[in-house]
Amino acid sequence: MTEHGVLAGHFAATAASEGPILILQDTTEFIYGRAQPGKIGFTKTIKAGRYNAGQPNVLTLCGC
C-alpha cells in the first residue's frame, strides 16, 4: 500500500467536482521528513533545536 494508492480516489473525486470544495481545518500541524514536501501541503520549516552531533534539526510543517 502506498500513499498515492490511498489518496488516489480522493484526488479523482475532488478533480471531478463541479461545485465549491470546502476544506475544514482544525489548526493541527503534521511534521513530515520528505524529499519533496510541496506535494503534501508544505506550509513552513521550523528550527527544532539540534541533534546530539550539533547539526540543526529542521522540521517541515504541512497542512491545508
N, C-alpha and C. Protein backbone atom coordinates (compact mmCIF):
# COMPACT_ATOMS: atom_id res chain seq x y z
N MET A 1 0.85 -1.16 0.00
CA MET A 1 0.00 0.00 0.00
C MET A 1 0.90 1.23 0.00
N THR A 2 0.56 2.18 -0.84
CA THR A 2 1.34 3.42 -0.94
C THR A 2 0.45 4.61 -0.60
N GLU A 3 1.09 5.73 -0.31
CA GLU A 3 0.35 6.97 -0.05
C GLU A 3 -0.50 7.34 -1.27
N HIS A 4 0.08 7.19 -2.46
CA HIS A 4 -0.66 7.51 -3.69
C HIS A 4 -1.89 6.62 -3.84
N GLY A 5 -1.74 5.34 -3.55
CA GLY A 5 -2.86 4.41 -3.66
C GLY A 5 -4.00 4.76 -2.71
N VAL A 6 -3.65 5.17 -1.50
CA VAL A 6 -4.67 5.54 -0.52
C VAL A 6 -5.41 6.81 -0.94
N LEU A 7 -4.68 7.78 -1.48
CA LEU A 7 -5.28 9.08 -1.80
C LEU A 7 -5.84 9.19 -3.22
N ALA A 8 -5.56 8.24 -4.09
CA ALA A 8 -5.96 8.33 -5.50
C ALA A 8 -7.45 8.58 -5.68
N GLY A 9 -8.29 7.86 -4.95
CA GLY A 9 -9.74 8.04 -5.06
C GLY A 9 -10.18 9.43 -4.62
N HIS A 10 -9.55 9.94 -3.57
CA HIS A 10 -9.89 11.29 -3.08
C HIS A 10 -9.50 12.35 -4.11
N PHE A 11 -8.32 12.19 -4.72
CA PHE A 11 -7.88 13.14 -5.74
C PHE A 11 -8.82 13.11 -6.94
N ALA A 12 -9.23 11.93 -7.36
CA ALA A 12 -10.13 11.80 -8.52
C ALA A 12 -11.49 12.43 -8.22
N ALA A 13 -12.03 12.19 -7.04
CA ALA A 13 -13.33 12.76 -6.69
C ALA A 13 -13.27 14.28 -6.60
N THR A 14 -12.17 14.80 -6.08
CA THR A 14 -12.01 16.25 -5.99
C THR A 14 -11.90 16.86 -7.38
N ALA A 15 -11.14 16.24 -8.26
CA ALA A 15 -10.98 16.76 -9.62
C ALA A 15 -12.29 16.73 -10.39
N ALA A 16 -13.16 15.77 -10.11
CA ALA A 16 -14.43 15.64 -10.82
C ALA A 16 -15.52 16.56 -10.27
N SER A 17 -15.28 17.19 -9.14
CA SER A 17 -16.29 18.05 -8.50
C SER A 17 -16.55 19.29 -9.34
N GLU A 18 -17.82 19.66 -9.48
CA GLU A 18 -18.18 20.85 -10.24
C GLU A 18 -18.56 22.02 -9.35
N GLY A 19 -18.81 21.78 -8.09
CA GLY A 19 -19.21 22.84 -7.18
C GLY A 19 -18.05 23.28 -6.30
N PRO A 20 -18.35 24.13 -5.33
CA PRO A 20 -17.29 24.55 -4.41
C PRO A 20 -16.80 23.38 -3.56
N ILE A 21 -15.55 23.46 -3.19
CA ILE A 21 -14.94 22.44 -2.34
C ILE A 21 -14.62 23.08 -1.00
N LEU A 22 -15.15 22.53 0.07
CA LEU A 22 -14.90 23.05 1.41
C LEU A 22 -13.74 22.29 2.03
N ILE A 23 -12.82 23.02 2.62
CA ILE A 23 -11.70 22.40 3.32
C ILE A 23 -11.81 22.81 4.79
N LEU A 24 -12.09 21.84 5.62
CA LEU A 24 -12.22 22.09 7.05
C LEU A 24 -10.87 21.83 7.70
N GLN A 25 -10.48 22.70 8.63
CA GLN A 25 -9.17 22.63 9.23
C GLN A 25 -9.28 22.90 10.71
N ASP A 26 -8.55 22.17 11.52
CA ASP A 26 -8.60 22.39 12.97
C ASP A 26 -7.28 22.90 13.53
N THR A 27 -6.44 23.48 12.71
CA THR A 27 -5.11 24.04 13.05
C THR A 27 -4.10 22.99 13.46
N THR A 28 -4.39 21.71 13.26
CA THR A 28 -3.41 20.67 13.53
C THR A 28 -2.29 20.75 12.51
N GLU A 29 -1.05 20.61 12.97
CA GLU A 29 0.09 20.60 12.07
C GLU A 29 0.71 19.22 12.09
N PHE A 30 1.13 18.75 10.93
CA PHE A 30 1.80 17.47 10.80
C PHE A 30 3.24 17.72 10.41
N ILE A 31 4.15 16.93 10.91
CA ILE A 31 5.57 17.08 10.60
C ILE A 31 6.00 15.89 9.76
N TYR A 32 6.55 16.20 8.57
CA TYR A 32 6.99 15.16 7.65
C TYR A 32 8.46 15.37 7.30
N GLY A 33 9.19 14.32 7.17
CA GLY A 33 10.54 14.38 6.63
C GLY A 33 10.49 13.84 5.22
N ARG A 34 10.35 14.71 4.24
CA ARG A 34 10.16 14.28 2.85
C ARG A 34 11.14 15.00 1.94
N ALA A 35 11.51 14.34 0.85
CA ALA A 35 12.39 14.96 -0.14
C ALA A 35 11.66 16.06 -0.90
N GLN A 36 10.34 15.91 -1.12
CA GLN A 36 9.55 16.89 -1.86
C GLN A 36 8.31 17.26 -1.05
N PRO A 37 8.46 18.08 0.00
CA PRO A 37 7.32 18.39 0.87
C PRO A 37 6.22 19.19 0.17
N GLY A 38 6.51 19.84 -0.95
CA GLY A 38 5.49 20.61 -1.66
C GLY A 38 4.33 19.77 -2.13
N LYS A 39 4.54 18.47 -2.30
CA LYS A 39 3.48 17.59 -2.78
C LYS A 39 2.49 17.20 -1.70
N ILE A 40 2.76 17.56 -0.44
CA ILE A 40 1.86 17.17 0.65
C ILE A 40 1.37 18.35 1.46
N GLY A 41 1.40 19.56 0.93
CA GLY A 41 0.84 20.70 1.64
C GLY A 41 1.85 21.46 2.49
N PHE A 42 3.03 21.70 1.97
CA PHE A 42 4.08 22.41 2.70
C PHE A 42 3.58 23.77 3.19
N THR A 43 3.79 24.08 4.46
CA THR A 43 3.46 25.41 4.97
C THR A 43 4.70 26.19 5.38
N LYS A 44 5.63 25.55 6.11
CA LYS A 44 6.86 26.23 6.51
C LYS A 44 7.83 25.23 7.12
N THR A 45 9.07 25.67 7.33
CA THR A 45 10.03 24.88 8.07
C THR A 45 10.33 25.59 9.39
N ILE A 46 10.66 24.82 10.40
CA ILE A 46 10.99 25.40 11.70
C ILE A 46 12.29 24.79 12.22
N LYS A 47 13.02 25.55 13.02
CA LYS A 47 14.22 25.03 13.68
C LYS A 47 13.78 24.43 15.00
N ALA A 48 14.12 23.16 15.22
CA ALA A 48 13.68 22.44 16.41
C ALA A 48 14.87 21.96 17.23
N GLY A 49 15.79 22.87 17.51
CA GLY A 49 16.95 22.50 18.30
C GLY A 49 18.04 21.87 17.45
N ARG A 50 18.88 21.08 18.11
CA ARG A 50 20.00 20.44 17.42
C ARG A 50 20.07 18.96 17.81
N TYR A 51 20.59 18.17 16.88
CA TYR A 51 20.88 16.78 17.18
C TYR A 51 22.08 16.71 18.10
N ASN A 52 22.35 15.55 18.67
CA ASN A 52 23.49 15.37 19.58
C ASN A 52 24.82 15.71 18.91
N ALA A 53 24.93 15.47 17.60
CA ALA A 53 26.16 15.76 16.88
C ALA A 53 26.31 17.25 16.56
N GLY A 54 25.31 18.07 16.92
CA GLY A 54 25.40 19.50 16.71
C GLY A 54 24.72 20.02 15.46
N GLN A 55 24.28 19.13 14.57
CA GLN A 55 23.60 19.59 13.37
C GLN A 55 22.21 20.11 13.72
N PRO A 56 21.76 21.16 13.02
CA PRO A 56 20.42 21.68 13.30
C PRO A 56 19.34 20.67 12.91
N ASN A 57 18.28 20.63 13.68
CA ASN A 57 17.13 19.78 13.41
C ASN A 57 16.05 20.67 12.80
N VAL A 58 15.89 20.61 11.49
CA VAL A 58 14.90 21.42 10.77
C VAL A 58 13.72 20.52 10.41
N LEU A 59 12.52 20.93 10.79
CA LEU A 59 11.31 20.14 10.53
C LEU A 59 10.43 20.84 9.50
N THR A 60 9.72 20.06 8.71
CA THR A 60 8.80 20.58 7.71
C THR A 60 7.38 20.46 8.25
N LEU A 61 6.64 21.58 8.30
CA LEU A 61 5.25 21.57 8.73
C LEU A 61 4.37 21.56 7.50
N CYS A 62 3.34 20.74 7.53
CA CYS A 62 2.44 20.62 6.39
C CYS A 62 1.00 20.71 6.86
N GLY A 63 0.14 21.22 6.01
CA GLY A 63 -1.27 21.34 6.33
C GLY A 63 -2.02 21.83 5.11
N CYS A 64 -3.22 22.33 5.33
CA CYS A 64 -4.03 22.85 4.23
C CYS A 64 -3.62 24.27 3.94
